[in-house]
C-alpha atoms as a PDB file:
ATOM      1  CA  MET A   1     -17.841 -25.280 -28.307  1.00  0.00           C
ATOM      2  CA  TYR A   2     -15.540 -24.424 -25.401  1.00  0.00           C
ATOM      3  CA  LEU A   3     -15.791 -21.428 -23.115  1.00  0.00           C
ATOM      4  CA  ILE A   4     -12.591 -19.464 -22.700  1.00  0.00           C
ATOM      5  CA  PRO A   5     -12.147 -18.073 -19.200  1.00  0.00           C
ATOM      6  CA  GLN A   6     -11.745 -14.314 -19.126  1.00  0.00           C
ATOM      7  CA  MET A   7     -10.067 -13.868 -15.748  1.00  0.00           C
ATOM      8  CA  ILE A   8      -7.577 -16.529 -14.773  1.00  0.00           C
ATOM      9  CA  LYS A   9      -5.810 -14.635 -11.962  1.00  0.00           C
ATOM     10  CA  LYS A  10      -8.811 -13.468  -9.968  1.00  0.00           C
ATOM     11  CA  GLU A  11      -8.011 -12.816  -6.320  1.00  0.00           C
ATOM     12  CA  ARG A  12     -10.247 -14.143  -3.597  1.00  0.00           C
ATOM     13  CA  ALA A  13     -12.133 -11.229  -2.114  1.00  0.00           C
ATOM     14  CA  PHE A  14     -14.186 -10.452   0.973  1.00  0.00           C
ATOM     15  CA  THR A  15     -15.611  -7.366  -0.682  1.00  0.00           C
ATOM     16  CA  LYS A  16     -15.004  -5.725  -4.042  1.00  0.00           C
ATOM     17  CA  ALA A  17     -11.968  -3.794  -2.795  1.00  0.00           C
ATOM     18  CA  PHE A  18     -10.703  -5.981   0.091  1.00  0.00           C
ATOM     19  CA  THR A  19      -9.021  -9.282  -0.827  1.00  0.00           C
ATOM     20  CA  MET A  20      -7.477 -12.129   1.153  1.00  0.00           C
ATOM     21  CA  LYS A  21      -4.012 -10.703   0.474  1.00  0.00           C
ATOM     22  CA  ASP A  22      -5.115  -7.374   1.965  1.00  0.00           C
ATOM     23  CA  PHE A  23      -6.515  -9.158   5.011  1.00  0.00           C
ATOM     24  CA  PHE A  24      -3.214 -10.920   5.702  1.00  0.00           C
ATOM     25  CA  ILE A  25      -1.256  -7.687   5.217  1.00  0.00           C
ATOM     26  CA  VAL A  26      -3.472  -5.861   7.735  1.00  0.00           C
ATOM     27  CA  LEU A  27      -3.318  -8.822  10.126  1.00  0.00           C
ATOM     28  CA  SER A  28       0.473  -9.007   9.954  1.00  0.00           C
ATOM     29  CA  ALA A  29       0.711  -5.222  10.465  1.00  0.00           C
ATOM     30  CA  ALA A  30      -1.535  -5.522  13.543  1.00  0.00           C
ATOM     31  CA  ILE A  31       0.615  -8.319  14.973  1.00  0.00           C
ATOM     32  CA  LEU A  32       3.816  -6.378  14.249  1.00  0.00           C
ATOM     33  CA  SER A  33       2.480  -3.204  15.864  1.00  0.00           C
ATOM     34  CA  PHE A  34       1.360  -5.200  18.926  1.00  0.00           C
ATOM     35  CA  LEU A  35       4.828  -6.748  19.224  1.00  0.00           C
ATOM     36  CA  LEU A  36       6.561  -3.387  18.839  1.00  0.00           C
ATOM     37  CA  ALA A  37       4.333  -1.650  21.362  1.00  0.00           C
ATOM     38  CA  SER A  38       4.061  -4.342  24.012  1.00  0.00           C
ATOM     39  CA  PHE A  39       7.154  -6.512  24.094  1.00  0.00           C
ATOM     40  CA  LEU A  40       9.919  -4.405  22.566  1.00  0.00           C
ATOM     41  CA  ASN A  41       8.831  -1.171  24.312  1.00  0.00           C
ATOM     42  CA  VAL A  42       9.431   0.941  21.215  1.00  0.00           C
ATOM     43  CA  VAL A  43       6.327   3.029  21.922  1.00  0.00           C
ATOM     44  CA  VAL A  44       5.766   4.993  25.137  1.00  0.00           C
ATOM     45  CA  SER A  45       2.973   3.474  27.235  1.00  0.00           C
ATOM     46  CA  PHE A  46       0.488   6.362  26.913  1.00  0.00           C
ATOM     47  CA  LEU A  47       0.830   6.309  23.092  1.00  0.00           C
ATOM     48  CA  HIS A  48      -0.093   2.648  22.610  1.00  0.00           C
ATOM     49  CA  ILE A  49      -3.689   3.303  21.487  1.00  0.00           C
ATOM     50  CA  PRO A  50      -2.804   6.088  18.995  1.00  0.00           C
ATOM     51  CA  PHE A  51       0.011   3.873  17.667  1.00  0.00           C
ATOM     52  CA  TYR A  52      -2.423   0.990  17.096  1.00  0.00           C
ATOM     53  CA  ILE A  53      -4.870   3.306  15.330  1.00  0.00           C
ATOM     54  CA  PHE A  54      -2.131   4.801  13.142  1.00  0.00           C
ATOM     55  CA  SER A  55      -0.795   1.323  12.284  1.00  0.00           C
ATOM     56  CA  LEU A  56      -4.259   0.141  11.298  1.00  0.00           C
ATOM     57  CA  PHE A  57      -4.941   3.143   9.072  1.00  0.00           C
ATOM     58  CA  PHE A  58      -1.492   2.922   7.490  1.00  0.00           C
ATOM     59  CA  ALA A  59      -1.969  -0.787   6.736  1.00  0.00           C
ATOM     60  CA  LEU A  60      -5.388  -0.078   5.210  1.00  0.00           C
ATOM     61  CA  TRP A  61      -3.912   2.773   3.134  1.00  0.00           C
ATOM     62  CA  CYS A  62      -1.101   0.494   1.913  1.00  0.00           C
ATOM     63  CA  THR A  63      -3.575  -2.109   0.702  1.00  0.00           C
ATOM     64  CA  ARG A  64      -5.700   0.370  -1.274  1.00  0.00           C
ATOM     65  CA  ARG A  65      -5.268   0.306  -5.016  1.00  0.00           C
ATOM     66  CA  ASN A  66      -3.979   3.382  -6.778  1.00  0.00           C
ATOM     67  CA  LYS A  67      -6.966   4.147  -9.034  1.00  0.00           C
ATOM     68  CA  ASN A  68      -5.576   7.286 -10.700  1.00  0.00           C
ATOM     69  CA  ASN A  69      -2.186   6.168 -11.966  1.00  0.00           C
ATOM     70  CA  ASN A  70      -2.042   2.374 -11.972  1.00  0.00           C
ATOM     71  CA  PRO A  71      -5.186   0.472 -10.954  1.00  0.00           C
ATOM     72  CA  LEU A  72      -3.365  -2.871 -10.644  1.00  0.00           C
ATOM     73  CA  SER A  73      -0.766  -1.482  -8.226  1.00  0.00           C
ATOM     74  CA  ARG A  74      -1.247  -0.917  -4.513  1.00  0.00           C
ATOM     75  CA  ASN A  75      -0.150   2.180  -2.610  1.00  0.00           C
ATOM     76  CA  CYS A  76       2.435   0.101  -0.760  1.00  0.00           C
ATOM     77  CA  LYS A  77       4.209  -0.730  -4.030  1.00  0.00           C
ATOM     78  CA  ALA A  78       4.127   2.918  -5.115  1.00  0.00           C
ATOM     79  CA  LEU A  79       5.615   3.970  -1.766  1.00  0.00           C
ATOM     80  CA  ILE A  80       8.415   1.402  -2.053  1.00  0.00           C
ATOM     81  CA  LEU A  81       9.215   2.520  -5.606  1.00  0.00           C
ATOM     82  CA  PHE A  82       9.248   6.143  -4.468  1.00  0.00           C
ATOM     83  CA  LEU A  83      11.667   5.435  -1.616  1.00  0.00           C
ATOM     84  CA  ARG A  84      13.987   3.296  -3.766  1.00  0.00           C
ATOM     85  CA  ARG A  85      14.298   5.757  -6.663  1.00  0.00           C
ATOM     86  CA  ASP A  86      17.651   7.173  -7.667  1.00  0.00           C
ATOM     87  CA  ARG A  87      17.740  10.761  -6.426  1.00  0.00           C
ATOM     88  CA  HIS A  88      20.866  11.661  -8.381  1.00  0.00           C
ATOM     89  CA  THR A  89      19.393  10.905 -11.810  1.00  0.00           C
ATOM     90  CA  TYR A  90      18.437  13.856 -13.978  1.00  0.00           C
ATOM     91  CA  TYR A  91      15.279  13.513 -16.068  1.00  0.00           C
ATOM     92  CA  SER A  92      14.966  16.087 -18.809  1.00  0.00           C
ATOM     93  CA  MET A  93      11.501  17.425 -19.571  1.00  0.00           C
ATOM     94  CA  LYS A  94      10.222  18.673 -22.893  1.00  0.00           C
ATOM     95  CA  THR A  95       9.445  22.354 -23.085  1.00  0.00           C
ATOM     96  CA  GLU A  96       6.314  21.605 -25.129  1.00  0.00           C
ATOM     97  CA  ASP A  97       4.690  20.071 -22.047  1.00  0.00           C
ATOM     98  CA  PHE A  98       4.579  23.426 -20.279  1.00  0.00           C
ATOM     99  CA  PRO A  99       2.528  26.433 -21.399  1.00  0.00           C
ATOM    100  CA  HIS A 100       4.559  29.426 -22.472  1.00  0.00           C
ATOM    101  CA  GLU A 101       4.236  32.457 -20.290  1.00  0.00           C
END
């Protein structure tokens, strides 16, 4: 009798919620923020530390999974889909979805 594997695409993880992919995203965000702040002088010198802290928290927020709507999707993907949506498209809504006043 053969055992059938249940999870073929399991991601390598440091903890239950933090995977190798998340680690490389946070690392690349840290390197990018260091390059922007130090070499390209995009950030004013007295705001370097708050910029690093904001970049770290934003990278960690982007790697979190969206547990309410789509548990397999990350917040970064939801943000990209939100920014790329067509703003001129009309979506009709059913009147049954709303309570009558």
